[in-house]
Protein backbone atom coordinates (compact mmCIF):
# COMPACT_ATOMS: atom_id res chain seq x y z
CA MET A 1 0.00 0.00 0.00
CA SER A 2 1.53 3.32 -1.07
CA THR A 3 2.09 6.16 1.39
CA PRO A 4 -0.18 9.13 0.64
CA SER A 5 1.51 12.30 -0.57
CA PRO A 6 1.84 14.95 2.19
CA THR A 7 0.21 17.44 -0.18
CA SER A 8 -2.99 15.36 -0.07
CA LEU A 9 -3.15 14.74 3.69
CA PRO A 10 -5.77 16.69 5.67
CA ILE A 11 -4.87 19.88 7.53
CA ARG A 12 -6.25 19.96 11.08
CA ARG A 13 -6.32 22.26 14.08
CA LEU A 14 -3.62 21.60 16.66
CA THR A 15 -4.25 21.67 20.41
CA PRO A 16 -2.04 21.85 23.52
CA ARG A 17 -1.87 18.04 23.33
CA ASP A 18 0.30 18.47 20.22
CA LEU A 19 3.01 20.33 22.12
CA VAL A 20 5.55 17.48 22.09
CA ALA A 21 4.96 16.81 18.38
CA CYS A 22 5.51 20.51 17.63
CA ALA A 23 8.72 20.52 19.69
CA ASP A 24 9.87 17.35 17.88
CA LEU A 25 9.28 19.10 14.55
CA CYS A 26 11.45 22.02 15.70
CA GLU A 27 14.21 19.61 16.69
CA ASN A 28 13.89 17.85 13.32
CA ARG A 29 14.71 21.14 11.59
CA GLY A 30 17.59 22.00 13.88
CA TRP A 31 15.63 24.55 15.90
CA PRO A 32 15.50 24.55 19.72
CA ARG A 33 12.52 22.59 21.06
CA GLU A 34 11.11 25.68 22.82
CA GLU A 35 8.36 23.75 24.61
CA HIS A 36 7.65 26.65 26.98
CA LYS A 37 6.95 28.97 24.05
CA TRP A 38 4.85 26.35 22.26
CA SER A 39 2.73 25.95 25.41
CA LEU A 40 1.84 29.64 25.27
CA LEU A 41 1.21 29.74 21.53
CA LEU A 42 -1.02 26.66 21.48
CA ALA A 43 -3.02 27.96 24.46
CA ALA A 44 -3.41 31.58 23.29
CA GLY A 45 -3.44 30.94 19.55
CA THR A 46 -4.61 28.40 17.00
CA GLY A 47 -2.26 25.79 15.58
CA PHE A 48 -2.58 24.18 12.16
CA GLY A 49 -0.78 21.05 11.04
CA ILE A 50 -0.68 17.87 9.00
CA ASP A 51 -0.17 14.50 10.67
CA ASP A 52 2.52 12.21 9.31
CA PRO A 53 1.13 8.67 8.78
CA ASP A 54 4.44 7.41 10.17
CA GLY A 55 4.07 9.48 13.34
CA GLY A 56 4.61 13.09 14.30
CA LEU A 57 3.83 16.09 12.14
CA VAL A 58 4.61 16.79 8.49
CA THR A 59 4.16 20.52 9.01
CA ALA A 60 2.83 23.00 11.55
CA CYS A 61 2.27 26.68 12.24
CA VAL A 62 0.42 28.78 14.79
CA VAL A 63 -1.82 31.82 14.41
CA THR A 64 -2.42 34.32 17.20
CA SER A 65 -5.39 36.61 16.62
CA TYR A 66 -5.91 39.95 18.37
CA GLY A 67 -8.95 42.12 18.88
CA PRO A 68 -12.61 41.04 19.02
CA ARG A 69 -13.05 37.28 18.72
CA ASP A 70 -15.66 37.60 15.96
CA ARG A 71 -13.66 40.15 13.98
CA PRO A 72 -9.94 40.22 14.83
CA GLY A 73 -8.04 43.39 14.01
CA LEU A 74 -4.78 41.51 13.35
CA ALA A 75 -3.47 37.94 13.26
CA ALA A 76 0.18 36.91 13.55
CA ILE A 77 1.49 33.75 11.89
CA GLY A 78 4.53 32.02 13.35
CA MET A 79 6.49 28.80 13.82
CA VAL A 80 5.97 27.71 10.21
CA LEU A 81 7.83 24.39 9.97
CA VAL A 82 8.04 21.46 7.56
CA ALA A 83 9.75 18.19 8.48
CA GLU A 84 13.07 17.71 6.73
CA ARG A 85 12.00 14.68 4.70
CA HIS A 86 8.95 16.54 3.38
CA ALA A 87 10.75 19.79 2.59
CA ARG A 88 10.68 21.36 -0.87
CA GLN A 89 7.52 19.46 -1.86
CA GLY A 90 5.03 22.32 -1.60
CA VAL A 91 3.75 21.34 1.85
CA GLY A 92 4.56 24.67 3.50
CA ARG A 93 2.98 26.57 0.63
CA ARG A 94 -0.19 24.49 0.95
CA LEU A 95 -0.38 25.06 4.70
CA MET A 96 0.12 28.81 4.34
CA ARG A 97 -2.52 29.09 1.62
CA HIS A 98 -4.93 27.22 3.86
CA VAL A 99 -4.23 29.53 6.81
CA VAL A 100 -4.56 32.69 4.71
CA ALA A 101 -7.89 31.44 3.33
CA GLU A 102 -9.07 30.43 6.80
CA LEU A 103 -8.40 33.92 8.14
CA GLY A 104 -10.38 35.61 5.38
CA THR A 105 -10.21 39.40 5.52
CA THR A 106 -8.24 39.57 8.79
CA PRO A 107 -5.03 41.59 8.33
CA LEU A 108 -1.99 39.35 8.77
CA THR A 109 1.58 39.80 9.91
CA LEU A 110 4.62 37.57 10.33
CA HIS A 111 8.37 37.73 10.90
CA ALA A 112 10.19 36.02 8.04
CA THR A 113 13.66 34.55 7.99
CA PRO A 114 15.65 35.07 4.78
CA TYR A 115 14.91 31.40 3.99
CA GLY A 116 11.14 31.75 4.34
CA ARG A 117 10.69 35.20 2.84
CA PRO A 118 10.43 34.15 -0.85
CA LEU A 119 7.46 31.87 -0.08
CA TYR A 120 5.63 34.62 1.79
CA GLU A 121 6.28 37.10 -1.00
CA GLU A 122 4.89 34.59 -3.48
CA LEU A 123 1.72 34.42 -1.36
CA GLY A 124 1.33 38.20 -1.40
CA PHE A 125 2.99 39.29 1.84
CA LYS A 126 4.92 42.58 1.71
CA ALA A 127 8.01 43.44 3.76
CA ILE A 128 7.43 46.62 5.77
CA GLY A 129 10.36 46.56 8.19
CA ARG A 130 13.00 44.51 10.02
CA THR A 131 13.88 43.36 13.49
CA GLU A 132 17.40 42.51 14.65
CA MET A 133 17.91 39.65 17.07
CA VAL A 134 20.56 40.39 19.67
CA ARG A 135 21.79 38.03 22.35
CA GLY A 136 24.49 37.80 24.99
CA HIS A 137 25.29 38.39 28.64
CA PHE A 138 24.30 41.93 29.60
CA VAL A 139 27.21 43.84 31.14
CA PRO A 140 26.27 47.00 33.07
CA GLY A 141 28.34 50.06 32.30
CA GLY A 142 28.25 53.79 31.81
CA PRO A 143 25.52 56.04 33.13
CA GLU A 144 22.39 54.07 33.92
CA PRO A 145 18.99 55.35 32.76
CA GLU A 146 17.33 57.44 35.47
CA VAL A 147 13.91 55.84 35.16
CA ALA A 148 12.27 54.07 38.09
CA THR A 149 11.28 50.44 37.54
CA ARG A 150 9.75 47.82 39.80
CA ALA A 151 8.18 44.38 39.70
CA ALA A 152 4.65 44.44 38.34
CA THR A 153 1.81 43.57 40.68
CA ALA A 154 -1.70 42.28 40.09
CA GLY A 155 -2.93 45.83 40.60
CA ASP A 156 -0.94 46.99 37.57
CA LEU A 157 -2.67 44.69 35.10
CA THR A 158 -5.41 47.09 34.04
CA ALA A 159 -2.89 49.86 33.31
CA ILE A 160 -0.60 47.45 31.46
CA LEU A 161 -3.46 46.24 29.28
CA ARG A 162 -4.55 49.81 28.52
CA LEU A 163 -1.00 50.84 27.56
CA ASP A 164 -0.45 47.68 25.54
CA GLU A 165 -3.59 48.16 23.45
CA GLU A 166 -2.72 51.81 22.83
CA VAL A 167 0.81 50.96 21.62
CA PHE A 168 0.15 47.61 19.91
CA GLY A 169 -2.93 48.96 18.18
CA THR A 170 -5.40 46.23 19.07
CA ASP A 171 -6.48 44.30 22.14
CA ARG A 172 -4.37 41.31 23.15
CA THR A 173 -5.71 40.73 26.65
CA HIS A 174 -5.76 36.95 26.16
CA MET A 175 -1.99 37.01 25.60
CA ILE A 176 -0.84 39.68 28.07
CA THR A 177 -2.83 38.23 31.00
CA ARG A 178 -0.80 35.03 30.60
CA LEU A 179 2.50 36.87 31.15
CA PRO A 180 2.60 36.67 34.98
CA ALA A 181 2.54 32.86 34.79
CA PHE A 182 4.58 32.56 31.57
CA ALA A 183 7.44 34.97 32.37
CA ASP A 184 10.05 34.76 35.11
CA GLN A 185 9.96 38.54 35.40
CA LEU A 186 7.38 41.20 34.59
CA ARG A 187 8.44 44.76 35.36
CA VAL A 188 6.97 48.21 34.89
CA ALA A 189 8.48 51.68 34.56
CA GLU A 190 6.83 54.58 36.33
CA GLN A 191 6.85 58.31 35.74
CA ASP A 192 4.76 60.87 37.62
CA GLY A 193 2.76 58.09 39.25
CA ARG A 194 1.74 56.36 36.03
CA ILE A 195 3.06 53.32 34.18
CA SER A 196 5.12 54.49 31.22
CA GLY A 197 6.35 51.11 30.03
CA TYR A 198 6.53 47.43 30.80
CA ALA A 199 8.64 44.43 29.85
CA ALA A 200 8.88 40.73 30.53
CA ALA A 201 11.72 38.23 30.55
CA TRP A 202 10.62 34.67 29.87
CA PRO A 203 12.65 31.45 29.88
CA ASN A 204 13.52 29.85 26.57
CA MET A 205 15.96 26.96 26.75
CA ASP A 206 19.19 28.42 28.22
CA ASN A 207 18.32 32.10 27.80
CA HIS A 208 15.81 34.73 28.83
CA VAL A 209 13.86 36.41 26.05
CA VAL A 210 13.02 40.06 26.67
CA GLY A 211 9.58 40.78 25.28
CA PRO A 212 7.21 42.40 25.03
CA LEU A 213 9.11 45.64 25.51
CA ILE A 214 6.86 48.69 25.41
CA ALA A 215 8.10 52.07 26.63
CA GLN A 216 7.35 55.73 26.20
CA ASP A 217 10.90 56.45 25.03
CA THR A 218 14.36 54.91 24.58
CA GLU A 219 15.55 55.79 28.10
CA THR A 220 12.58 53.92 29.56
CA ALA A 221 13.30 50.93 27.31
CA LYS A 222 16.93 50.93 28.48
CA ALA A 223 15.86 51.06 32.13
CA LEU A 224 13.52 48.12 31.70
CA ILE A 225 16.16 45.98 29.97
CA ALA A 226 18.77 46.85 32.61
CA SER A 227 16.37 46.01 35.43
CA LEU A 228 15.52 42.63 33.90
CA ALA A 229 19.19 41.86 33.23
CA ALA A 230 20.15 42.65 36.84
CA ARG A 231 17.91 39.81 38.02
CA THR A 232 19.11 36.94 35.82
CA ASP A 233 22.38 35.16 35.14
CA ARG A 234 21.16 33.82 31.81
CA VAL A 235 21.97 35.06 28.34
CA LEU A 236 19.48 37.70 27.22
CA ARG A 237 17.85 37.59 23.80
CA THR A 238 15.48 40.02 22.18
CA ASP A 239 14.30 41.19 18.74
CA ILE A 240 14.44 44.96 18.37
CA ASP A 241 12.83 46.99 15.61
CA VAL A 242 15.80 48.32 13.60
CA ARG A 243 14.31 51.82 13.64
CA HIS A 244 15.26 51.96 17.32
CA GLU A 245 18.91 52.57 16.44
CA GLU A 246 19.88 54.15 19.76
CA LEU A 247 18.64 51.17 21.75
CA LEU A 248 20.45 48.71 19.45
CA VAL A 249 23.73 50.61 19.88
CA TRP A 250 23.23 50.67 23.65
CA VAL A 251 22.56 46.92 24.07
CA LYS A 252 25.55 46.08 21.86
CA GLU A 253 27.78 48.29 24.01
CA ARG A 254 26.60 46.20 26.95
CA GLY A 255 27.48 42.77 25.64
CA LEU A 256 24.66 41.73 23.32
CA ALA A 257 25.64 40.90 19.74
CA SER A 258 23.70 40.67 16.53
CA ALA A 259 22.37 37.17 15.81
CA GLY A 260 20.43 37.85 12.62
CA PHE A 261 17.54 39.74 11.08
CA ASN A 262 13.91 38.98 10.30
CA ALA A 263 11.70 40.80 7.84
CA VAL A 264 8.43 42.10 9.26
CA MET A 265 5.76 41.33 6.67
CA THR A 266 2.07 42.07 6.30
CA PHE A 267 -0.85 40.86 4.19
CA GLY A 268 -4.05 42.83 3.66
CA ILE A 269 -2.70 45.88 5.49
CA GLY A 270 -0.07 48.46 4.58
CA GLU A 271 1.39 49.14 8.02
CA LEU A 272 0.97 47.60 11.43
CA PRO A 273 -1.50 49.34 13.74
CA GLY A 274 -0.41 51.15 16.88
CA ASP A 275 2.63 53.27 17.68
CA TRP A 276 5.94 51.78 16.57
CA THR A 277 7.91 54.51 18.38
CA ARG A 278 6.89 52.93 21.71
CA ARG A 279 6.96 49.30 20.54
CA PHE A 280 10.56 48.20 20.94
CA ALA A 281 10.34 44.38 20.90
CA PRO A 282 7.61 41.75 20.46
CA LEU A 283 6.67 39.16 23.04
CA THR A 284 8.00 36.70 20.48
CA VAL A 285 8.43 37.00 16.72
CA ALA A 286 6.06 34.03 16.44
CA ALA A 287 3.18 36.08 17.85
CA GLY A 288 3.82 39.53 16.41
């Protein structure tokens, strides 16, 4: 009996029960397993995948929608993966076409690696910007930003959600309310008695990812990064919008080095909503 072609196998919704299979697929492609991140994405978003008749997944991706449930204002696509033995057979293209069709008129965004970008361009996505991944041990030095920061409390959540929606451009309550349990640190910056920024550091394999990072200005962003770094011995990693040149120079002077670039792409929308000048880094590039 012949094995069915992966291009003819059904696409199904993934659930949190597929976490190990998704992590195995990452490992198959030489990516870190990132089970902690997958747990968040599969709980807060919607996964799509194709089962391999021989076990595991042929392909997978996850979509995180923001805004009203019945009419999202934006959806982010991430973690698009195809198993090595099924690569270059059109499986990823089929999955992406299915997802785009499933999302209808919802504006889409994704962060594309140089490897994946040609496929997304073929599907109609347009590059509108770039993020630079930086990673390394943060080394304090020079004058520190004079912005007060502290650990976030439950009482801060309403203000954080209000600020996040204003800066991100659409409501992502279902994601941000998971941060206290997901992240090892969640800190806020204060000015004149109000929250002027917030940032999280969450565990990902051997490092801490800084994100989201939202701040009223670069000095506030610096203060939040420095305060997170002071409370971990792990390598820090974050993805900073390249338009924030001053912040990129500052983190590199303090031990973080460039680890690559991703193109920020959109479909069905010209620019991302919100205020990019206060949006310094995403929670994760997989979720916009």
